[in-house]
Amino acid sequence: MRVNRAAVLVPVLALCPVAFGQTTPRLNQTGTYGPWLADQVLGDAPARLSFRTGKWKDVAQWRRAARKRALECIAPVELGGPPVVTITGRATYDGVDIEFLTWQLPAGPKTEAVFLRPTGVRGRLPGILALHDHGGNKFLGWRKIVRTDATPWAIQKLHQDTYYGGVGWANEIAKRGYAVLVHDTFPFAVRTKRAWLFGIRQVAAEY
């Protein structure tokens, strides 16, 4: 007699969660971690630093405690306060005014950046800090998402064609009425490790 495997397996599989004490997970955005986060980590009560716990009667007092704990968790390094920003050049391209900037942090070479805004617009604008991707090509920094003229580097154009539909998306946002700052993030472009660049140059020279 032939056995219908589906007829046997479906009821058995359906019983598995019951047999192992599992319940159907609730819909959530963290997948199988959802029940653990909701029940054991967060629970039903307000988090211990939530103003809703009632431990703080004054918002300013609660804000000081919450900010202190946030800084402890972030563990920021001492950067010596706001750096001095220097404008090294200006350009206008495709409806966007561009300023080329540099500033010096306590360690490493000067950071390079560009500041974009709609051509001819002055005064206050909503601002966006645009961070380039970390998808390889460490010699590219802000150039990954910005166009400053009609003749971008070949590798820059290839990167934008591959990942951004052939445009500098920071420019596209600026043209819509935003002030956009894009800088080289560590360790890309001018902020990359000099030893790494030296190794690339050596390989290029040999091959």
N, C-alpha and C. Protein backbone atom coordinates (compact mmCIF):
# COMPACT_ATOMS: atom_id res chain seq x y z
N MET A 1 0.85 -1.19 0.00
CA MET A 1 0.00 0.00 0.00
C MET A 1 0.88 1.24 0.00
N ARG A 2 0.61 2.16 -0.88
CA ARG A 2 1.37 3.40 -0.96
C ARG A 2 0.89 4.37 0.12
N VAL A 3 1.86 5.00 0.76
CA VAL A 3 1.54 5.95 1.83
C VAL A 3 1.66 7.37 1.29
N ASN A 4 0.66 8.16 1.54
CA ASN A 4 0.70 9.56 1.15
C ASN A 4 1.54 10.32 2.17
N ARG A 5 2.78 10.65 1.78
CA ARG A 5 3.71 11.29 2.73
C ARG A 5 3.18 12.64 3.22
N ALA A 6 2.58 13.39 2.33
CA ALA A 6 2.06 14.70 2.73
C ALA A 6 0.99 14.56 3.80
N ALA A 7 0.15 13.53 3.67
CA ALA A 7 -0.93 13.33 4.63
C ALA A 7 -0.38 13.01 6.01
N VAL A 8 0.82 12.41 6.08
CA VAL A 8 1.44 12.05 7.36
C VAL A 8 2.24 13.21 7.93
N LEU A 9 3.06 13.86 7.07
CA LEU A 9 3.99 14.88 7.54
C LEU A 9 3.30 16.16 7.99
N VAL A 10 2.26 16.59 7.28
CA VAL A 10 1.62 17.85 7.62
C VAL A 10 1.08 17.85 9.05
N PRO A 11 0.32 16.83 9.48
CA PRO A 11 -0.15 16.84 10.88
C PRO A 11 1.00 16.78 11.88
N VAL A 12 2.07 16.02 11.57
CA VAL A 12 3.20 15.91 12.48
C VAL A 12 3.90 17.25 12.63
N LEU A 13 4.15 17.92 11.51
CA LEU A 13 4.81 19.22 11.56
C LEU A 13 3.96 20.24 12.29
N ALA A 14 2.68 20.15 12.13
CA ALA A 14 1.78 21.09 12.79
C ALA A 14 1.82 20.92 14.29
N LEU A 15 2.10 19.70 14.77
CA LEU A 15 2.15 19.42 16.20
C LEU A 15 3.50 19.77 16.82
N CYS A 16 4.53 19.99 15.99
CA CYS A 16 5.89 20.23 16.51
C CYS A 16 5.95 21.40 17.49
N PRO A 17 5.40 22.59 17.18
CA PRO A 17 5.47 23.69 18.13
C PRO A 17 4.85 23.35 19.48
N VAL A 18 3.73 22.57 19.45
CA VAL A 18 3.08 22.18 20.70
C VAL A 18 3.96 21.21 21.47
N ALA A 19 4.55 20.26 20.75
CA ALA A 19 5.38 19.25 21.39
C ALA A 19 6.60 19.87 22.06
N PHE A 20 7.15 20.91 21.48
CA PHE A 20 8.36 21.53 22.03
C PHE A 20 8.05 22.79 22.84
N GLY A 21 6.79 23.00 23.16
CA GLY A 21 6.42 24.12 24.01
C GLY A 21 6.53 25.47 23.33
N GLN A 22 6.45 25.52 22.03
CA GLN A 22 6.57 26.77 21.30
C GLN A 22 5.20 27.29 20.90
N THR A 23 5.10 28.58 20.80
CA THR A 23 3.88 29.19 20.30
C THR A 23 4.19 29.96 19.04
N THR A 24 3.17 30.26 18.28
CA THR A 24 3.37 31.01 17.05
C THR A 24 3.87 32.41 17.40
N PRO A 25 5.07 32.81 16.87
CA PRO A 25 5.60 34.14 17.23
C PRO A 25 4.71 35.25 16.74
N ARG A 26 4.63 36.31 17.55
CA ARG A 26 3.87 37.47 17.14
C ARG A 26 4.55 38.19 15.98
N LEU A 27 3.76 38.86 15.16
CA LEU A 27 4.34 39.62 14.07
C LEU A 27 5.21 40.73 14.64
N ASN A 28 6.43 40.86 14.13
CA ASN A 28 7.35 41.88 14.62
C ASN A 28 8.40 42.11 13.55
N GLN A 29 9.26 43.11 13.78
CA GLN A 29 10.28 43.47 12.79
C GLN A 29 11.65 42.90 13.13
N THR A 30 11.75 42.06 14.15
CA THR A 30 13.04 41.45 14.50
C THR A 30 13.00 39.93 14.41
N GLY A 31 12.05 39.40 13.64
CA GLY A 31 12.02 37.97 13.36
C GLY A 31 11.89 37.13 14.61
N THR A 32 12.69 36.06 14.69
CA THR A 32 12.61 35.14 15.82
C THR A 32 13.10 35.75 17.12
N TYR A 33 13.77 36.91 17.05
CA TYR A 33 14.20 37.58 18.28
C TYR A 33 13.05 38.36 18.91
N GLY A 34 11.96 38.54 18.18
CA GLY A 34 10.87 39.37 18.67
C GLY A 34 10.31 38.98 20.02
N PRO A 35 9.88 37.72 20.22
CA PRO A 35 9.32 37.34 21.53
C PRO A 35 10.32 37.51 22.67
N TRP A 36 11.58 37.18 22.43
CA TRP A 36 12.60 37.33 23.48
C TRP A 36 12.78 38.80 23.86
N LEU A 37 12.87 39.68 22.82
CA LEU A 37 13.02 41.10 23.10
C LEU A 37 11.80 41.65 23.82
N ALA A 38 10.61 41.26 23.35
CA ALA A 38 9.39 41.82 23.90
C ALA A 38 9.13 41.34 25.33
N ASP A 39 9.38 40.05 25.58
CA ASP A 39 9.01 39.48 26.88
C ASP A 39 10.11 39.57 27.93
N GLN A 40 11.35 39.25 27.54
CA GLN A 40 12.41 39.17 28.53
C GLN A 40 13.27 40.42 28.63
N VAL A 41 13.47 41.11 27.53
CA VAL A 41 14.32 42.30 27.55
C VAL A 41 13.49 43.54 27.89
N LEU A 42 12.42 43.76 27.15
CA LEU A 42 11.62 44.96 27.36
C LEU A 42 10.54 44.76 28.41
N GLY A 43 9.81 43.64 28.32
CA GLY A 43 8.74 43.40 29.25
C GLY A 43 7.56 44.33 29.03
N ASP A 44 6.62 44.30 29.95
CA ASP A 44 5.42 45.12 29.82
C ASP A 44 5.56 46.48 30.49
N ALA A 45 6.50 46.60 31.43
CA ALA A 45 6.65 47.86 32.16
C ALA A 45 7.54 48.82 31.37
N PRO A 46 7.49 50.13 31.70
CA PRO A 46 8.39 51.08 31.04
C PRO A 46 9.85 50.74 31.32
N ALA A 47 10.74 51.04 30.38
CA ALA A 47 12.17 50.80 30.58
C ALA A 47 12.66 51.62 31.77
N ARG A 48 13.78 51.18 32.37
CA ARG A 48 14.20 51.78 33.64
C ARG A 48 14.60 53.25 33.51
N LEU A 49 14.92 53.70 32.31
CA LEU A 49 15.24 55.11 32.14
C LEU A 49 14.09 55.89 31.50
N SER A 50 12.94 55.26 31.42
CA SER A 50 11.78 55.96 30.86
C SER A 50 11.21 56.93 31.88
N PHE A 51 10.79 58.08 31.41
CA PHE A 51 10.15 59.06 32.28
C PHE A 51 8.86 58.50 32.86
N ARG A 52 8.28 57.51 32.19
CA ARG A 52 7.01 56.94 32.63
C ARG A 52 7.14 56.06 33.87
N THR A 53 8.38 55.78 34.32
CA THR A 53 8.54 54.96 35.54
C THR A 53 8.08 55.72 36.78
N GLY A 54 8.08 57.03 36.72
CA GLY A 54 7.68 57.82 37.87
C GLY A 54 8.82 58.15 38.82
N LYS A 55 10.05 57.69 38.51
CA LYS A 55 11.20 57.98 39.38
C LYS A 55 11.60 59.44 39.33
N TRP A 56 11.26 60.11 38.23
CA TRP A 56 11.60 61.52 38.09
C TRP A 56 10.32 62.34 37.99
N LYS A 57 10.23 63.35 38.82
CA LYS A 57 9.07 64.24 38.78
C LYS A 57 9.35 65.48 37.94
N ASP A 58 10.62 65.69 37.63
CA ASP A 58 11.03 66.87 36.88
C ASP A 58 11.68 66.43 35.57
N VAL A 59 11.19 66.97 34.45
CA VAL A 59 11.70 66.57 33.15
C VAL A 59 13.18 66.90 32.99
N ALA A 60 13.61 68.05 33.48
CA ALA A 60 15.02 68.44 33.36
C ALA A 60 15.92 67.46 34.10
N GLN A 61 15.49 67.01 35.28
CA GLN A 61 16.27 66.04 36.05
C GLN A 61 16.36 64.71 35.31
N TRP A 62 15.23 64.27 34.78
CA TRP A 62 15.21 63.02 34.01
C TRP A 62 16.10 63.13 32.77
N ARG A 63 16.06 64.28 32.10
CA ARG A 63 16.85 64.48 30.89
C ARG A 63 18.35 64.39 31.21
N ARG A 64 18.77 64.95 32.33
CA ARG A 64 20.19 64.87 32.72
C ARG A 64 20.61 63.44 32.97
N ALA A 65 19.78 62.67 33.65
CA ALA A 65 20.11 61.27 33.94
C ALA A 65 20.15 60.44 32.66
N ALA A 66 19.18 60.66 31.77
CA ALA A 66 19.12 59.90 30.53
C ALA A 66 20.30 60.25 29.62
N ARG A 67 20.64 61.54 29.53
CA ARG A 67 21.77 61.94 28.70
C ARG A 67 23.08 61.37 29.24
N LYS A 68 23.26 61.37 30.56
CA LYS A 68 24.47 60.81 31.18
C LYS A 68 24.62 59.34 30.83
N ARG A 69 23.52 58.59 30.92
CA ARG A 69 23.59 57.16 30.61
C ARG A 69 23.82 56.93 29.12
N ALA A 70 23.20 57.74 28.27
CA ALA A 70 23.40 57.60 26.82
C ALA A 70 24.86 57.82 26.46
N LEU A 71 25.49 58.84 27.05
CA LEU A 71 26.89 59.11 26.76
C LEU A 71 27.79 58.00 27.27
N GLU A 72 27.43 57.39 28.41
CA GLU A 72 28.20 56.26 28.92
C GLU A 72 28.16 55.09 27.94
N CYS A 73 27.00 54.85 27.35
CA CYS A 73 26.85 53.73 26.41
C CYS A 73 27.54 54.03 25.08
N ILE A 74 27.45 55.28 24.62
CA ILE A 74 28.09 55.65 23.35
C ILE A 74 29.60 55.70 23.49
N ALA A 75 30.09 56.10 24.69
CA ALA A 75 31.52 56.22 24.97
C ALA A 75 32.24 57.05 23.90
N PRO A 76 31.80 58.30 23.67
CA PRO A 76 32.44 59.10 22.63
C PRO A 76 33.86 59.50 23.02
N VAL A 77 34.72 59.60 22.03
CA VAL A 77 36.09 60.03 22.29
C VAL A 77 36.13 61.55 22.36
N GLU A 78 37.16 62.10 22.99
CA GLU A 78 37.30 63.54 23.11
C GLU A 78 37.81 64.10 21.78
N LEU A 79 37.01 64.92 21.15
CA LEU A 79 37.37 65.49 19.85
C LEU A 79 37.78 66.96 19.93
N GLY A 80 37.85 67.50 21.14
CA GLY A 80 38.38 68.84 21.30
C GLY A 80 37.44 69.96 20.89
N GLY A 81 36.15 69.67 20.82
CA GLY A 81 35.20 70.72 20.46
C GLY A 81 35.06 70.88 18.95
N PRO A 82 34.19 71.79 18.51
CA PRO A 82 33.98 72.00 17.07
C PRO A 82 35.27 72.44 16.38
N PRO A 83 35.63 71.80 15.27
CA PRO A 83 36.86 72.18 14.56
C PRO A 83 36.65 73.46 13.75
N VAL A 84 37.75 74.07 13.34
CA VAL A 84 37.70 75.24 12.47
C VAL A 84 37.52 74.76 11.04
N VAL A 85 36.48 75.25 10.37
CA VAL A 85 36.17 74.82 9.01
C VAL A 85 36.71 75.84 8.01
N THR A 86 37.40 75.33 7.00
CA THR A 86 37.96 76.19 5.96
C THR A 86 37.29 75.89 4.62
N ILE A 87 36.88 76.93 3.91
CA ILE A 87 36.33 76.77 2.56
C ILE A 87 37.49 76.85 1.57
N THR A 88 37.71 75.77 0.84
CA THR A 88 38.85 75.72 -0.09
C THR A 88 38.45 75.98 -1.53
N GLY A 89 37.16 76.02 -1.83
CA GLY A 89 36.74 76.28 -3.20
C GLY A 89 35.23 76.29 -3.32
N ARG A 90 34.74 76.77 -4.45
CA ARG A 90 33.31 76.83 -4.72
C ARG A 90 33.05 76.43 -6.18
N ALA A 91 31.88 75.90 -6.40
CA ALA A 91 31.49 75.53 -7.77
C ALA A 91 29.97 75.51 -7.84
N THR A 92 29.45 75.56 -9.06
CA THR A 92 28.02 75.39 -9.30
C THR A 92 27.85 74.35 -10.40
N TYR A 93 26.99 73.37 -10.14
CA TYR A 93 26.79 72.31 -11.13
C TYR A 93 25.36 71.80 -11.06
N ASP A 94 24.69 71.78 -12.17
CA ASP A 94 23.38 71.15 -12.33
C ASP A 94 22.40 71.59 -11.24
N GLY A 95 22.31 72.91 -11.04
CA GLY A 95 21.32 73.43 -10.10
C GLY A 95 21.72 73.38 -8.65
N VAL A 96 23.01 73.13 -8.38
CA VAL A 96 23.47 73.02 -7.00
C VAL A 96 24.72 73.88 -6.80
N ASP A 97 24.72 74.71 -5.75
CA ASP A 97 25.92 75.43 -5.34
C ASP A 97 26.72 74.54 -4.40
N ILE A 98 28.02 74.48 -4.63
CA ILE A 98 28.87 73.55 -3.90
C ILE A 98 30.02 74.30 -3.24
N GLU A 99 30.26 74.05 -1.97
CA GLU A 99 31.42 74.55 -1.26
C GLU A 99 32.29 73.38 -0.85
N PHE A 100 33.59 73.47 -1.13
CA PHE A 100 34.55 72.44 -0.74
C PHE A 100 35.14 72.84 0.61
N LEU A 101 35.08 71.94 1.58
CA LEU A 101 35.46 72.24 2.95
C LEU A 101 36.56 71.30 3.45
N THR A 102 37.30 71.77 4.45
CA THR A 102 38.22 70.92 5.20
C THR A 102 38.16 71.31 6.66
N TRP A 103 38.45 70.36 7.53
CA TRP A 103 38.64 70.66 8.95
C TRP A 103 39.57 69.61 9.55
N GLN A 104 40.23 69.96 10.63
CA GLN A 104 41.21 69.09 11.25
C GLN A 104 40.68 68.54 12.58
N LEU A 105 40.66 67.22 12.69
CA LEU A 105 40.31 66.56 13.94
C LEU A 105 41.60 66.27 14.72
N PRO A 106 41.50 65.86 15.98
CA PRO A 106 42.70 65.66 16.79
C PRO A 106 43.68 64.64 16.22
N ALA A 107 43.21 63.69 15.42
CA ALA A 107 44.10 62.67 14.87
C ALA A 107 43.85 62.50 13.39
N GLY A 108 44.90 62.14 12.67
CA GLY A 108 44.76 61.87 11.25
C GLY A 108 44.85 63.12 10.39
N PRO A 109 44.78 62.94 9.07
CA PRO A 109 44.84 64.08 8.15
C PRO A 109 43.55 64.89 8.19
N LYS A 110 43.56 66.02 7.51
CA LYS A 110 42.37 66.86 7.46
C LYS A 110 41.22 66.13 6.77
N THR A 111 40.04 66.34 7.30
CA THR A 111 38.84 65.79 6.68
C THR A 111 38.43 66.66 5.50
N GLU A 112 38.03 66.03 4.40
CA GLU A 112 37.48 66.75 3.27
C GLU A 112 35.97 66.55 3.22
N ALA A 113 35.26 67.59 2.77
CA ALA A 113 33.81 67.53 2.71
C ALA A 113 33.30 68.48 1.65
N VAL A 114 32.02 68.34 1.31
CA VAL A 114 31.35 69.29 0.43
C VAL A 114 30.01 69.67 1.05
N PHE A 115 29.63 70.91 0.82
CA PHE A 115 28.35 71.43 1.31
C PHE A 115 27.53 71.85 0.10
N LEU A 116 26.34 71.29 -0.04
CA LEU A 116 25.50 71.49 -1.21
C LEU A 116 24.20 72.20 -0.83
N ARG A 117 23.74 73.07 -1.72
CA ARG A 117 22.43 73.69 -1.55
C ARG A 117 21.94 74.15 -2.92
N PRO A 118 20.63 74.36 -3.05
CA PRO A 118 20.10 74.77 -4.36
C PRO A 118 20.74 76.06 -4.85
N THR A 119 21.01 76.14 -6.11
CA THR A 119 21.68 77.31 -6.69
C THR A 119 20.92 78.59 -6.39
N GLY A 120 21.66 79.57 -5.86
CA GLY A 120 21.10 80.89 -5.62
C GLY A 120 20.29 81.03 -4.36
N VAL A 121 20.06 79.95 -3.63
CA VAL A 121 19.23 80.01 -2.42
C VAL A 121 20.11 80.36 -1.23
N ARG A 122 19.68 81.33 -0.44
CA ARG A 122 20.39 81.72 0.76
C ARG A 122 19.45 81.67 1.95
N GLY A 123 20.01 81.78 3.12
CA GLY A 123 19.18 81.72 4.32
C GLY A 123 19.08 80.31 4.85
N ARG A 124 18.25 80.13 5.85
CA ARG A 124 18.11 78.85 6.53
C ARG A 124 17.37 77.84 5.66
N LEU A 125 17.89 76.61 5.66
CA LEU A 125 17.28 75.49 4.94
C LEU A 125 17.25 74.28 5.85
N PRO A 126 16.33 73.34 5.63
CA PRO A 126 16.41 72.07 6.37
C PRO A 126 17.71 71.36 5.99
N GLY A 127 18.41 70.83 6.97
CA GLY A 127 19.73 70.26 6.72
C GLY A 127 19.74 68.74 6.79
N ILE A 128 20.63 68.16 6.00
CA ILE A 128 20.82 66.70 5.98
C ILE A 128 22.32 66.41 6.04
N LEU A 129 22.73 65.53 6.93
CA LEU A 129 24.08 64.99 6.94
C LEU A 129 24.05 63.71 6.13
N ALA A 130 24.63 63.74 4.94
CA ALA A 130 24.59 62.59 4.02
C ALA A 130 25.87 61.78 4.18
N LEU A 131 25.75 60.53 4.59
CA LEU A 131 26.90 59.66 4.79
C LEU A 131 27.03 58.69 3.62
N HIS A 132 28.21 58.64 3.05
CA HIS A 132 28.42 57.74 1.92
C HIS A 132 28.45 56.29 2.40
N ASP A 133 28.27 55.36 1.47
CA ASP A 133 28.25 53.95 1.82
C ASP A 133 29.65 53.45 2.18
N HIS A 134 29.71 52.29 2.80
CA HIS A 134 30.97 51.64 3.14
C HIS A 134 31.19 50.41 2.26
N GLY A 135 30.64 50.44 1.06
CA GLY A 135 30.71 49.29 0.18
C GLY A 135 31.99 49.21 -0.64
N GLY A 136 33.15 49.15 0.04
CA GLY A 136 34.41 49.04 -0.68
C GLY A 136 34.85 50.37 -1.28
N ASN A 137 35.82 50.30 -2.19
CA ASN A 137 36.35 51.51 -2.85
C ASN A 137 36.76 52.56 -1.81
N LYS A 138 37.69 52.20 -0.94
CA LYS A 138 38.06 53.09 0.16
C LYS A 138 38.70 54.39 -0.31
N PHE A 139 39.23 54.42 -1.53
CA PHE A 139 39.82 55.66 -2.03
C PHE A 139 38.74 56.67 -2.40
N LEU A 140 37.47 56.25 -2.44
CA LEU A 140 36.35 57.16 -2.65
C LEU A 140 35.70 57.46 -1.31
N GLY A 141 35.42 58.71 -1.07
CA GLY A 141 34.70 59.09 0.14
C GLY A 141 33.42 59.78 -0.26
N TRP A 142 33.37 61.11 -0.04
CA TRP A 142 32.16 61.85 -0.38
C TRP A 142 31.82 61.76 -1.86
N ARG A 143 32.82 61.48 -2.70
CA ARG A 143 32.57 61.39 -4.15
C ARG A 143 31.66 60.22 -4.52
N LYS A 144 31.44 59.30 -3.60
CA LYS A 144 30.54 58.19 -3.90
C LYS A 144 29.11 58.66 -4.17
N ILE A 145 28.71 59.76 -3.52
CA ILE A 145 27.31 60.16 -3.60
C ILE A 145 27.13 61.60 -4.08
N VAL A 146 28.22 62.21 -4.59
CA VAL A 146 28.17 63.61 -5.02
C VAL A 146 28.72 63.74 -6.43
N ARG A 147 28.16 64.66 -7.20
CA ARG A 147 28.71 65.09 -8.49
C ARG A 147 29.05 66.57 -8.38
N THR A 148 30.26 66.95 -8.73
CA THR A 148 30.65 68.36 -8.68
C THR A 148 30.85 68.95 -10.06
N ASP A 149 30.88 68.11 -11.10
CA ASP A 149 31.01 68.61 -12.47
C ASP A 149 30.53 67.52 -13.43
N ALA A 150 30.61 67.81 -14.71
CA ALA A 150 30.08 66.89 -15.72
C ALA A 150 31.07 65.79 -16.08
N THR A 151 32.28 65.81 -15.50
CA THR A 151 33.29 64.81 -15.83
C THR A 151 33.79 64.12 -14.56
N PRO A 152 32.96 63.28 -13.92
CA PRO A 152 33.41 62.59 -12.72
C PRO A 152 34.49 61.56 -13.04
N TRP A 153 35.22 61.13 -12.01
CA TRP A 153 36.19 60.07 -12.20
C TRP A 153 35.49 58.84 -12.78
N ALA A 154 36.21 58.04 -13.55
CA ALA A 154 35.61 56.84 -14.14
C ALA A 154 35.10 55.89 -13.06
N ILE A 155 35.91 55.70 -11.98
CA ILE A 155 35.50 54.79 -10.91
C ILE A 155 34.34 55.37 -10.12
N GLN A 156 34.29 56.69 -10.03
CA GLN A 156 33.19 57.37 -9.36
C GLN A 156 31.89 57.17 -10.14
N LYS A 157 31.97 57.35 -11.46
CA LYS A 157 30.79 57.15 -12.31
C LYS A 157 30.31 55.71 -12.26
N LEU A 158 31.26 54.76 -12.28
CA LEU A 158 30.91 53.34 -12.21
C LEU A 158 30.20 53.03 -10.90
N HIS A 159 30.70 53.58 -9.82
CA HIS A 159 30.10 53.35 -8.50
C HIS A 159 28.67 53.88 -8.47
N GLN A 160 28.46 55.08 -8.97
CA GLN A 160 27.12 55.67 -8.96
C GLN A 160 26.19 54.97 -9.94
N ASP A 161 26.73 54.55 -11.07
CA ASP A 161 25.91 53.79 -12.02
C ASP A 161 25.46 52.47 -11.41
N THR A 162 26.35 51.84 -10.65
CA THR A 162 26.07 50.52 -10.08
C THR A 162 25.07 50.59 -8.93
N TYR A 163 25.23 51.59 -8.06
CA TYR A 163 24.46 51.60 -6.82
C TYR A 163 23.38 52.67 -6.72
N TYR A 164 23.49 53.74 -7.53
CA TYR A 164 22.59 54.87 -7.33
C TYR A 164 21.90 55.33 -8.61
N GLY A 165 21.77 54.45 -9.57
CA GLY A 165 21.05 54.82 -10.78
C GLY A 165 21.73 55.89 -11.60
N GLY A 166 23.05 56.03 -11.43
CA GLY A 166 23.81 56.96 -12.25
C GLY A 166 23.77 58.41 -11.80
N VAL A 167 23.37 58.65 -10.55
CA VAL A 167 23.32 60.03 -10.04
C VAL A 167 24.06 60.12 -8.71
N GLY A 168 24.44 61.35 -8.35
CA GLY A 168 24.90 61.62 -7.00
C GLY A 168 23.68 61.95 -6.16
N TRP A 169 23.29 61.06 -5.27
CA TRP A 169 22.00 61.27 -4.60
C TRP A 169 22.02 62.47 -3.65
N ALA A 170 23.20 62.87 -3.18
CA ALA A 170 23.26 64.07 -2.36
C ALA A 170 22.87 65.31 -3.17
N ASN A 171 23.29 65.35 -4.44
CA ASN A 171 22.88 66.44 -5.33
C ASN A 171 21.37 66.46 -5.52
N GLU A 172 20.80 65.28 -5.73
CA GLU A 172 19.36 65.20 -5.98
C GLU A 172 18.56 65.71 -4.79
N ILE A 173 19.04 65.43 -3.58
CA ILE A 173 18.36 65.94 -2.38
C ILE A 173 18.51 67.45 -2.28
N ALA A 174 19.72 67.95 -2.55
CA ALA A 174 19.96 69.40 -2.47
C ALA A 174 19.05 70.15 -3.43
N LYS A 175 18.85 69.61 -4.63
CA LYS A 175 18.01 70.28 -5.62
C LYS A 175 16.56 70.38 -5.18
N ARG A 176 16.19 69.56 -4.21
CA ARG A 176 14.82 69.57 -3.70
C ARG A 176 14.63 70.52 -2.52
N GLY A 177 15.67 71.35 -2.25
CA GLY A 177 15.50 72.38 -1.24
C GLY A 177 16.19 72.13 0.09
N TYR A 178 17.21 71.27 0.08
CA TYR A 178 17.90 70.97 1.33
C TYR A 178 19.36 71.44 1.28
N ALA A 179 19.89 71.74 2.47
CA ALA A 179 21.32 71.96 2.64
C ALA A 179 21.92 70.62 3.04
N VAL A 180 22.91 70.15 2.27
CA VAL A 180 23.43 68.80 2.46
C VAL A 180 24.94 68.86 2.70
N LEU A 181 25.38 68.26 3.81
CA LEU A 181 26.80 68.16 4.11
C LEU A 181 27.24 66.71 3.92
N VAL A 182 28.30 66.51 3.13
CA VAL A 182 28.83 65.17 2.88
C VAL A 182 30.33 65.20 3.17
N HIS A 183 30.79 64.33 4.06
CA HIS A 183 32.22 64.33 4.40
C HIS A 183 32.80 62.92 4.23
N ASP A 184 34.11 62.86 4.13
CA ASP A 184 34.79 61.57 4.11
C ASP A 184 34.67 60.94 5.49
N THR A 185 34.12 59.73 5.57
CA THR A 185 34.01 59.05 6.85
C THR A 185 35.25 58.19 7.08
N PHE A 186 35.57 57.93 8.32
CA PHE A 186 36.72 57.10 8.66
C PHE A 186 36.39 55.65 8.30
N PRO A 187 37.29 54.92 7.63
CA PRO A 187 38.60 55.30 7.11
C PRO A 187 38.60 55.35 5.58
N PHE A 188 37.87 56.26 4.99
CA PHE A 188 37.74 56.38 3.54
C PHE A 188 38.40 57.66 3.02
N ALA A 189 38.81 57.59 1.75
CA ALA A 189 39.39 58.75 1.04
C ALA A 189 40.53 59.35 1.85
N VAL A 190 40.49 60.66 2.13
CA VAL A 190 41.62 61.29 2.83
C VAL A 190 41.75 60.79 4.26
N ARG A 191 40.73 60.12 4.79
CA ARG A 191 40.78 59.65 6.17
C ARG A 191 41.16 58.18 6.26
N THR A 192 41.56 57.57 5.15
CA THR A 192 41.96 56.18 5.20
C THR A 192 43.36 56.05 5.78
N LYS A 193 43.77 54.82 6.03
CA LYS A 193 45.08 54.58 6.62
C LYS A 193 46.16 54.73 5.56
N ARG A 194 47.19 55.49 5.88
CA ARG A 194 48.25 55.73 4.92
C ARG A 194 48.97 54.44 4.55
N ALA A 195 49.13 53.53 5.52
CA ALA A 195 49.81 52.26 5.24
C ALA A 195 49.03 51.45 4.21
N TRP A 196 47.70 51.50 4.28
CA TRP A 196 46.86 50.78 3.32
C TRP A 196 47.05 51.36 1.92
N LEU A 197 47.09 52.68 1.82
CA LEU A 197 47.30 53.32 0.53
C LEU A 197 48.67 52.98 -0.03
N PHE A 198 49.68 52.94 0.85
CA PHE A 198 51.03 52.61 0.41
C PHE A 198 51.06 51.21 -0.19
N GLY A 199 50.35 50.28 0.46
CA GLY A 199 50.30 48.91 -0.05
C GLY A 199 49.66 48.84 -1.42
N ILE A 200 48.59 49.61 -1.63
CA ILE A 200 47.93 49.64 -2.94
C ILE A 200 48.88 50.18 -4.00
N ARG A 201 49.62 51.23 -3.64
CA ARG A 201 50.55 51.80 -4.61
C ARG A 201 51.63 50.80 -4.98
N GLN A 202 52.09 50.04 -3.99
CA GLN A 202 53.13 49.04 -4.26
C GLN A 202 52.63 47.96 -5.20
N VAL A 203 51.40 47.49 -4.96
CA VAL A 203 50.82 46.48 -5.83
C VAL A 203 50.64 47.02 -7.24
N ALA A 204 50.16 48.26 -7.35
CA ALA A 204 49.96 48.87 -8.66
C ALA A 204 51.28 49.02 -9.41
N ALA A 205 52.34 49.35 -8.67
CA ALA A 205 53.65 49.52 -9.31
C ALA A 205 54.20 48.19 -9.81
N GLU A 206 53.91 47.11 -9.11
CA GLU A 206 54.46 45.81 -9.46
C GLU A 206 53.65 45.10 -10.55
N TYR A 207 52.38 45.41 -10.64
CA TYR A 207 51.53 44.68 -11.60
C TYR A 207 50.97 45.59 -12.67
